[in-house]
Amino acid sequence: MAALSELRESRAWWMVGTGIRQWLPGEVRLAEMAAQVVAGEWHVLRAGAAVVRCASCGPIPTSGRRVRTTPPTCTA
């Protein structure tokens, strides 16, 4: 869970740095992300123990703000 959260957070910071307002740093709490994982709303690709790619397919965050309908993908 921590690796997925760190990857998502790093991609959020990358988006902010490039002017994209889709994922904002800190907007998804770890407990919220854990519930989304249990619900099957995240897909993860691993290389050994490292999470190298992820995609969300559910509502993020619970605030209801969603910029696009196609799920974003994050890559390390």
PDB file of N, CA and C in Angstrom:
ATOM      1  N   MET A   1       0.823  -1.183   0.000  1.00  0.00           N
ATOM      2  CA  MET A   1       0.000   0.000   0.000  1.00  0.00           C
ATOM      3  C   MET A   1       0.873   1.255   0.000  1.00  0.00           C
ATOM      4  N   ALA A   2       1.923   1.249   0.781  1.00  0.00           N
ATOM      5  CA  ALA A   2       2.793   2.433   0.860  1.00  0.00           C
ATOM      6  C   ALA A   2       3.441   2.733  -0.487  1.00  0.00           C
ATOM      7  N   ALA A   3       3.871   1.689  -1.213  1.00  0.00           N
ATOM      8  CA  ALA A   3       4.513   1.900  -2.513  1.00  0.00           C
ATOM      9  C   ALA A   3       3.541   2.508  -3.522  1.00  0.00           C
ATOM     10  N   LEU A   4       2.302   2.045  -3.520  1.00  0.00           N
ATOM     11  CA  LEU A   4       1.284   2.601  -4.413  1.00  0.00           C
ATOM     12  C   LEU A   4       1.010   4.069  -4.068  1.00  0.00           C
ATOM     13  N   SER A   5       0.890   4.348  -2.781  1.00  0.00           N
ATOM     14  CA  SER A   5       0.645   5.716  -2.334  1.00  0.00           C
ATOM     15  C   SER A   5       1.799   6.639  -2.731  1.00  0.00           C
ATOM     16  N   GLU A   6       3.023   6.181  -2.548  1.00  0.00           N
ATOM     17  CA  GLU A   6       4.197   6.984  -2.904  1.00  0.00           C
ATOM     18  C   GLU A   6       4.259   7.237  -4.404  1.00  0.00           C
ATOM     19  N   LEU A   7       3.939   6.224  -5.209  1.00  0.00           N
ATOM     20  CA  LEU A   7       3.964   6.390  -6.660  1.00  0.00           C
ATOM     21  C   LEU A   7       2.883   7.374  -7.097  1.00  0.00           C
ATOM     22  N   ARG A   8       1.694   7.234  -6.546  1.00  0.00           N
ATOM     23  CA  ARG A   8       0.603   8.141  -6.890  1.00  0.00           C
ATOM     24  C   ARG A   8       0.941   9.571  -6.491  1.00  0.00           C
ATOM     25  N   GLU A   9       1.522   9.726  -5.328  1.00  0.00           N
ATOM     26  CA  GLU A   9       1.896  11.055  -4.842  1.00  0.00           C
ATOM     27  C   GLU A   9       2.989  11.672  -5.723  1.00  0.00           C
ATOM     28  N   SER A  10       3.970  10.872  -6.141  1.00  0.00           N
ATOM     29  CA  SER A  10       5.032  11.403  -6.998  1.00  0.00           C
ATOM     30  C   SER A  10       4.473  11.842  -8.348  1.00  0.00           C
ATOM     31  N   ARG A  11       3.508  11.113  -8.869  1.00  0.00           N
ATOM     32  CA  ARG A  11       2.880  11.492 -10.134  1.00  0.00           C
ATOM     33  C   ARG A  11       2.034  12.753  -9.965  1.00  0.00           C
ATOM     34  N   ALA A  12       1.394  12.894  -8.799  1.00  0.00           N
ATOM     35  CA  ALA A  12       0.622  14.107  -8.527  1.00  0.00           C
ATOM     36  C   ALA A  12       1.548  15.327  -8.541  1.00  0.00           C
ATOM     37  N   TRP A  13       2.710  15.207  -7.898  1.00  0.00           N
ATOM     38  CA  TRP A  13       3.668  16.319  -7.892  1.00  0.00           C
ATOM     39  C   TRP A  13       4.181  16.602  -9.293  1.00  0.00           C
ATOM     40  N   TRP A  14       4.389  15.546 -10.094  1.00  0.00           N
ATOM     41  CA  TRP A  14       4.828  15.734 -11.482  1.00  0.00           C
ATOM     42  C   TRP A  14       3.760  16.508 -12.258  1.00  0.00           C
ATOM     43  N   MET A  15       2.486  16.115 -12.085  1.00  0.00           N
ATOM     44  CA  MET A  15       1.401  16.805 -12.793  1.00  0.00           C
ATOM     45  C   MET A  15       1.347  18.283 -12.413  1.00  0.00           C
ATOM     46  N   VAL A  16       1.438  18.576 -11.121  1.00  0.00           N
ATOM     47  CA  VAL A  16       1.431  19.968 -10.659  1.00  0.00           C
ATOM     48  C   VAL A  16       2.590  20.734 -11.293  1.00  0.00           C
ATOM     49  N   GLY A  17       3.756  20.102 -11.341  1.00  0.00           N
ATOM     50  CA  GLY A  17       4.935  20.752 -11.907  1.00  0.00           C
ATOM     51  C   GLY A  17       4.822  21.042 -13.392  1.00  0.00           C
ATOM     52  N   THR A  18       3.976  20.284 -14.086  1.00  0.00           N
ATOM     53  CA  THR A  18       3.798  20.507 -15.520  1.00  0.00           C
ATOM     54  C   THR A  18       2.525  21.288 -15.831  1.00  0.00           C
ATOM     55  N   GLY A  19       1.843  21.755 -14.778  1.00  0.00           N
ATOM     56  CA  GLY A  19       0.654  22.565 -14.982  1.00  0.00           C
ATOM     57  C   GLY A  19      -0.640  21.786 -15.129  1.00  0.00           C
ATOM     58  N   ILE A  20      -0.598  20.477 -14.918  1.00  0.00           N
ATOM     59  CA  ILE A  20      -1.802  19.648 -15.017  1.00  0.00           C
ATOM     60  C   ILE A  20      -2.496  19.626 -13.665  1.00  0.00           C
ATOM     61  N   ARG A  21      -3.779  19.953 -13.628  1.00  0.00           N
ATOM     62  CA  ARG A  21      -4.545  19.935 -12.378  1.00  0.00           C
ATOM     63  C   ARG A  21      -5.506  18.758 -12.408  1.00  0.00           C
ATOM     64  N   GLN A  22      -4.955  17.569 -12.302  1.00  0.00           N
ATOM     65  CA  GLN A  22      -5.776  16.365 -12.294  1.00  0.00           C
ATOM     66  C   GLN A  22      -5.651  15.650 -10.956  1.00  0.00           C
ATOM     67  N   TRP A  23      -4.469  15.250 -10.617  1.00  0.00           N
ATOM     68  CA  TRP A  23      -4.199  14.674  -9.299  1.00  0.00           C
ATOM     69  C   TRP A  23      -3.445  15.727  -8.512  1.00  0.00           C
ATOM     70  N   LEU A  24      -3.919  16.037  -7.326  1.00  0.00           N
ATOM     71  CA  LEU A  24      -3.228  17.010  -6.492  1.00  0.00           C
ATOM     72  C   LEU A  24      -2.526  16.286  -5.341  1.00  0.00           C
ATOM     73  N   PRO A  25      -1.310  16.714  -4.994  1.00  0.00           N
ATOM     74  CA  PRO A  25      -0.589  16.084  -3.889  1.00  0.00           C
ATOM     75  C   PRO A  25      -1.410  16.116  -2.601  1.00  0.00           C
ATOM     76  N   GLY A  26      -1.458  14.994  -1.922  1.00  0.00           N
ATOM     77  CA  GLY A  26      -2.117  14.905  -0.629  1.00  0.00           C
ATOM     78  C   GLY A  26      -3.630  14.800  -0.659  1.00  0.00           C
ATOM     79  N   GLU A  27      -4.249  14.734  -1.834  1.00  0.00           N
ATOM     80  CA  GLU A  27      -5.708  14.732  -1.869  1.00  0.00           C
ATOM     81  C   GLU A  27      -6.333  13.380  -1.534  1.00  0.00           C
ATOM     82  N   VAL A  28      -5.576  12.294  -1.603  1.00  0.00           N
ATOM     83  CA  VAL A  28      -6.116  10.977  -1.270  1.00  0.00           C
ATOM     84  C   VAL A  28      -5.367  10.436  -0.054  1.00  0.00           C
ATOM     85  N   ARG A  29      -6.090  10.268   1.037  1.00  0.00           N
ATOM     86  CA  ARG A  29      -5.484   9.723   2.257  1.00  0.00           C
ATOM     87  C   ARG A  29      -5.198   8.233   2.069  1.00  0.00           C
ATOM     88  N   LEU A  30      -4.233   7.720   2.816  1.00  0.00           N
ATOM     89  CA  LEU A  30      -3.854   6.317   2.724  1.00  0.00           C
ATOM     90  C   LEU A  30      -5.043   5.404   3.025  1.00  0.00           C
ATOM     91  N   ALA A  31      -5.848   5.734   4.031  1.00  0.00           N
ATOM     92  CA  ALA A  31      -7.014   4.909   4.371  1.00  0.00           C
ATOM     93  C   ALA A  31      -8.026   4.881   3.226  1.00  0.00           C
ATOM     94  N   GLU A  32      -8.193   6.024   2.558  1.00  0.00           N
ATOM     95  CA  GLU A  32      -9.103   6.098   1.416  1.00  0.00           C
ATOM     96  C   GLU A  32      -8.578   5.244   0.263  1.00  0.00           C
ATOM     97  N   MET A  33      -7.267   5.332   0.016  1.00  0.00           N
ATOM     98  CA  MET A  33      -6.667   4.533  -1.043  1.00  0.00           C
ATOM     99  C   MET A  33      -6.788   3.043  -0.722  1.00  0.00           C
ATOM    100  N   ALA A  34      -6.600   2.661   0.543  1.00  0.00           N
ATOM    101  CA  ALA A  34      -6.724   1.256   0.945  1.00  0.00           C
ATOM    102  C   ALA A  34      -8.135   0.739   0.655  1.00  0.00           C
ATOM    103  N   ALA A  35      -9.144   1.550   0.940  1.00  0.00           N
ATOM    104  CA  ALA A  35     -10.525   1.156   0.653  1.00  0.00           C
ATOM    105  C   ALA A  35     -10.739   1.009  -0.852  1.00  0.00           C
ATOM    106  N   GLN A  36     -10.119   1.877  -1.642  1.00  0.00           N
ATOM    107  CA  GLN A  36     -10.227   1.787  -3.097  1.00  0.00           C
ATOM    108  C   GLN A  36      -9.553   0.523  -3.616  1.00  0.00           C
ATOM    109  N   VAL A  37      -8.421   0.146  -3.020  1.00  0.00           N
ATOM    110  CA  VAL A  37      -7.727  -1.082  -3.413  1.00  0.00           C
ATOM    111  C   VAL A  37      -8.609  -2.293  -3.122  1.00  0.00           C
ATOM    112  N   VAL A  38      -9.194  -2.334  -1.940  1.00  0.00           N
ATOM    113  CA  VAL A  38     -10.082  -3.438  -1.557  1.00  0.00           C
ATOM    114  C   VAL A  38     -11.264  -3.524  -2.524  1.00  0.00           C
ATOM    115  N   ALA A  39     -11.759  -2.372  -2.977  1.00  0.00           N
ATOM    116  CA  ALA A  39     -12.897  -2.332  -3.900  1.00  0.00           C
ATOM    117  C   ALA A  39     -12.496  -2.650  -5.344  1.00  0.00           C
ATOM    118  N   GLY A  40     -11.194  -2.866  -5.590  1.00  0.00           N
ATOM    119  CA  GLY A  40     -10.725  -3.205  -6.936  1.00  0.00           C
ATOM    120  C   GLY A  40     -10.610  -2.003  -7.862  1.00  0.00           C
ATOM    121  N   GLU A  41     -10.449  -0.810  -7.292  1.00  0.00           N
ATOM    122  CA  GLU A  41     -10.386   0.412  -8.087  1.00  0.00           C
ATOM    123  C   GLU A  41      -8.977   0.793  -8.525  1.00  0.00           C
ATOM    124  N   TRP A  42      -7.977   0.018  -8.155  1.00  0.00           N
ATOM    125  CA  TRP A  42      -6.598   0.264  -8.568  1.00  0.00           C
ATOM    126  C   TRP A  42      -6.028  -0.989  -9.214  1.00  0.00           C
ATOM    127  N   HIS A  43      -5.236  -0.794 -10.254  1.00  0.00           N
ATOM    128  CA  HIS A  43      -4.507  -1.888 -10.908  1.00  0.00           C
ATOM    129  C   HIS A  43      -3.027  -1.534 -10.811  1.00  0.00           C
ATOM    130  N   VAL A  44      -2.215  -2.514 -10.449  1.00  0.00           N
ATOM    131  CA  VAL A  44      -0.803  -2.262 -10.173  1.00  0.00           C
ATOM    132  C   VAL A  44       0.066  -3.226 -10.973  1.00  0.00           C
ATOM    133  N   LEU A  45       1.146  -2.698 -11.547  1.00  0.00           N
ATOM    134  CA  LEU A  45       2.148  -3.511 -12.224  1.00  0.00           C
ATOM    135  C   LEU A  45       3.413  -3.442 -11.383  1.00  0.00           C
ATOM    136  N   ARG A  46       3.952  -4.601 -11.061  1.00  0.00           N
ATOM    137  CA  ARG A  46       5.172  -4.667 -10.248  1.00  0.00           C
ATOM    138  C   ARG A  46       6.340  -5.204 -11.069  1.00  0.00           C
ATOM    139  N   ALA A  47       7.537  -4.753 -10.704  1.00  0.00           N
ATOM    140  CA  ALA A  47       8.790  -5.309 -11.210  1.00  0.00           C
ATOM    141  C   ALA A  47       9.510  -5.788  -9.963  1.00  0.00           C
ATOM    142  N   GLY A  48       9.401  -7.070  -9.689  1.00  0.00           N
ATOM    143  CA  GLY A  48       9.891  -7.591  -8.420  1.00  0.00           C
ATOM    144  C   GLY A  48       8.988  -7.065  -7.321  1.00  0.00           C
ATOM    145  N   ALA A  49       9.564  -6.429  -6.321  1.00  0.00           N
ATOM    146  CA  ALA A  49       8.773  -5.880  -5.218  1.00  0.00           C
ATOM    147  C   ALA A  49       8.337  -4.435  -5.464  1.00  0.00           C
ATOM    148  N   ALA A  50       8.899  -3.798  -6.496  1.00  0.00           N
ATOM    149  CA  ALA A  50       8.616  -2.391  -6.749  1.00  0.00           C
ATOM    150  C   ALA A  50       7.336  -2.206  -7.569  1.00  0.00           C
ATOM    151  N   VAL A  51       6.506  -1.257  -7.163  1.00  0.00           N
ATOM    152  CA  VAL A  51       5.348  -0.863  -7.961  1.00  0.00           C
ATOM    153  C   VAL A  51       5.865   0.100  -9.020  1.00  0.00           C
ATOM    154  N   VAL A  52       5.728  -0.250 -10.302  1.00  0.00           N
ATOM    155  CA  VAL A  52       6.278   0.575 -11.369  1.00  0.00           C
ATOM    156  C   VAL A  52       5.213   1.274 -12.211  1.00  0.00           C
ATOM    157  N   ARG A  53       3.976   0.821 -12.092  1.00  0.00           N
ATOM    158  CA  ARG A  53       2.905   1.445 -12.859  1.00  0.00           C
ATOM    159  C   ARG A  53       1.589   1.183 -12.143  1.00  0.00           C
ATOM    160  N   CYS A  54       0.695   2.170 -12.188  1.00  0.00           N
ATOM    161  CA  CYS A  54      -0.618   1.969 -11.588  1.00  0.00           C
ATOM    162  C   CYS A  54      -1.660   2.732 -12.383  1.00  0.00           C
ATOM    163  N   ALA A  55      -2.888   2.287 -12.278  1.00  0.00           N
ATOM    164  CA  ALA A  55      -4.003   2.980 -12.910  1.00  0.00           C
ATOM    165  C   ALA A  55      -5.196   2.899 -11.977  1.00  0.00           C
ATOM    166  N   SER A  56      -5.916   3.982 -11.882  1.00  0.00           N
ATOM    167  CA  SER A  56      -7.127   3.976 -11.072  1.00  0.00           C
ATOM    168  C   SER A  56      -8.326   3.862 -11.994  1.00  0.00           C
ATOM    169  N   CYS A  57      -9.322   3.178 -11.527  1.00  0.00           N
ATOM    170  CA  CYS A  57     -10.528   3.036 -12.336  1.00  0.00           C
ATOM    171  C   CYS A  57     -11.760   3.361 -11.514  1.00  0.00           C
ATOM    172  N   GLY A  58     -11.574   4.067 -10.429  1.00  0.00           N
ATOM    173  CA  GLY A  58     -12.694   4.413  -9.567  1.00  0.00           C
ATOM    174  C   GLY A  58     -12.701   5.892  -9.258  1.00  0.00           C
ATOM    175  N   PRO A  59     -13.631   6.311  -8.448  1.00  0.00           N
ATOM    176  CA  PRO A  59     -13.743   7.734  -8.119  1.00  0.00           C
ATOM    177  C   PRO A  59     -12.644   8.205  -7.182  1.00  0.00           C
ATOM    178  N   ILE A  60     -11.858   9.187  -7.627  1.00  0.00           N
ATOM    179  CA  ILE A  60     -10.776   9.732  -6.817  1.00  0.00           C
ATOM    180  C   ILE A  60     -10.851  11.239  -6.896  1.00  0.00           C
ATOM    181  N   PRO A  61     -10.829  11.940  -5.849  1.00  0.00           N
ATOM    182  CA  PRO A  61     -11.043  11.540  -4.468  1.00  0.00           C
ATOM    183  C   PRO A  61     -12.531  11.528  -4.129  1.00  0.00           C
ATOM    184  N   THR A  62     -12.856  11.332  -2.875  1.00  0.00           N
ATOM    185  CA  THR A  62     -14.253  11.294  -2.475  1.00  0.00           C
ATOM    186  C   THR A  62     -14.888  12.681  -2.493  1.00  0.00           C
ATOM    187  N   SER A  63     -14.104  13.711  -2.706  1.00  0.00           N
ATOM    188  CA  SER A  63     -14.652  15.066  -2.804  1.00  0.00           C
ATOM    189  C   SER A  63     -15.541  15.219  -4.023  1.00  0.00           C
ATOM    190  N   GLY A  64     -15.446  14.271  -4.953  1.00  0.00           N
ATOM    191  CA  GLY A  64     -16.284  14.310  -6.142  1.00  0.00           C
ATOM    192  C   GLY A  64     -15.659  15.067  -7.299  1.00  0.00           C
ATOM    193  N   ARG A  65     -14.535  15.763  -7.083  1.00  0.00           N
ATOM    194  CA  ARG A  65     -13.877  16.487  -8.172  1.00  0.00           C
ATOM    195  C   ARG A  65     -13.190  15.495  -9.088  1.00  0.00           C
ATOM    196  N   ARG A  66     -13.586  15.480 -10.313  1.00  0.00           N
ATOM    197  CA  ARG A  66     -12.964  14.600 -11.291  1.00  0.00           C
ATOM    198  C   ARG A  66     -12.780  15.405 -12.561  1.00  0.00           C
ATOM    199  N   VAL A  67     -11.569  15.466 -13.040  1.00  0.00           N
ATOM    200  CA  VAL A  67     -11.259  16.320 -14.172  1.00  0.00           C
ATOM    201  C   VAL A  67     -11.539  15.628 -15.494  1.00  0.00           C
ATOM    202  N   ARG A  68     -11.251  14.362 -15.590  1.00  0.00           N
ATOM    203  CA  ARG A  68     -11.484  13.652 -16.836  1.00  0.00           C
ATOM    204  C   ARG A  68     -12.142  12.314 -16.553  1.00  0.00           C
ATOM    205  N   THR A  69     -12.752  11.726 -17.556  1.00  0.00           N
ATOM    206  CA  THR A  69     -13.463  10.470 -17.350  1.00  0.00           C
ATOM    207  C   THR A  69     -12.572   9.264 -17.603  1.00  0.00           C
ATOM    208  N   THR A  70     -11.512   9.429 -18.361  1.00  0.00           N
ATOM    209  CA  THR A  70     -10.574   8.339 -18.593  1.00  0.00           C
ATOM    210  C   THR A  70      -9.631   8.244 -17.411  1.00  0.00           C
ATOM    211  N   PRO A  71      -9.453   7.039 -16.829  1.00  0.00           N
ATOM    212  CA  PRO A  71      -8.587   6.947 -15.655  1.00  0.00           C
ATOM    213  C   PRO A  71      -7.142   7.278 -15.984  1.00  0.00           C
ATOM    214  N   PRO A  72      -6.509   8.094 -15.155  1.00  0.00           N
ATOM    215  CA  PRO A  72      -5.103   8.416 -15.374  1.00  0.00           C
ATOM    216  C   PRO A  72      -4.212   7.230 -15.041  1.00  0.00           C
ATOM    217  N   THR A  73      -3.048   7.228 -15.641  1.00  0.00           N
ATOM    218  CA  THR A  73      -2.061   6.187 -15.365  1.00  0.00           C
ATOM    219  C   THR A  73      -0.827   6.854 -14.802  1.00  0.00           C
ATOM    220  N   CYS A  74      -0.230   6.220 -13.805  1.00  0.00           N
ATOM    221  CA  CYS A  74       1.018   6.751 -13.254  1.00  0.00           C
ATOM    222  C   CYS A  74       2.137   5.751 -13.467  1.00  0.00           C
ATOM    223  N   THR A  75       3.295   6.249 -13.750  1.00  0.00           N
ATOM    224  CA  THR A  75       4.470   5.427 -14.019  1.00  0.00           C
ATOM    225  C   THR A  75       5.645   5.968 -13.249  1.00  0.00           C
ATOM    226  N   ALA A  76       6.444   5.078 -12.721  1.00  0.00           N
ATOM    227  CA  ALA A  76       7.635   5.510 -11.987  1.00  0.00           C
ATOM    228  C   ALA A  76       8.690   6.004 -12.945  1.00  0.00           C
TER     229      ALA A  76
END
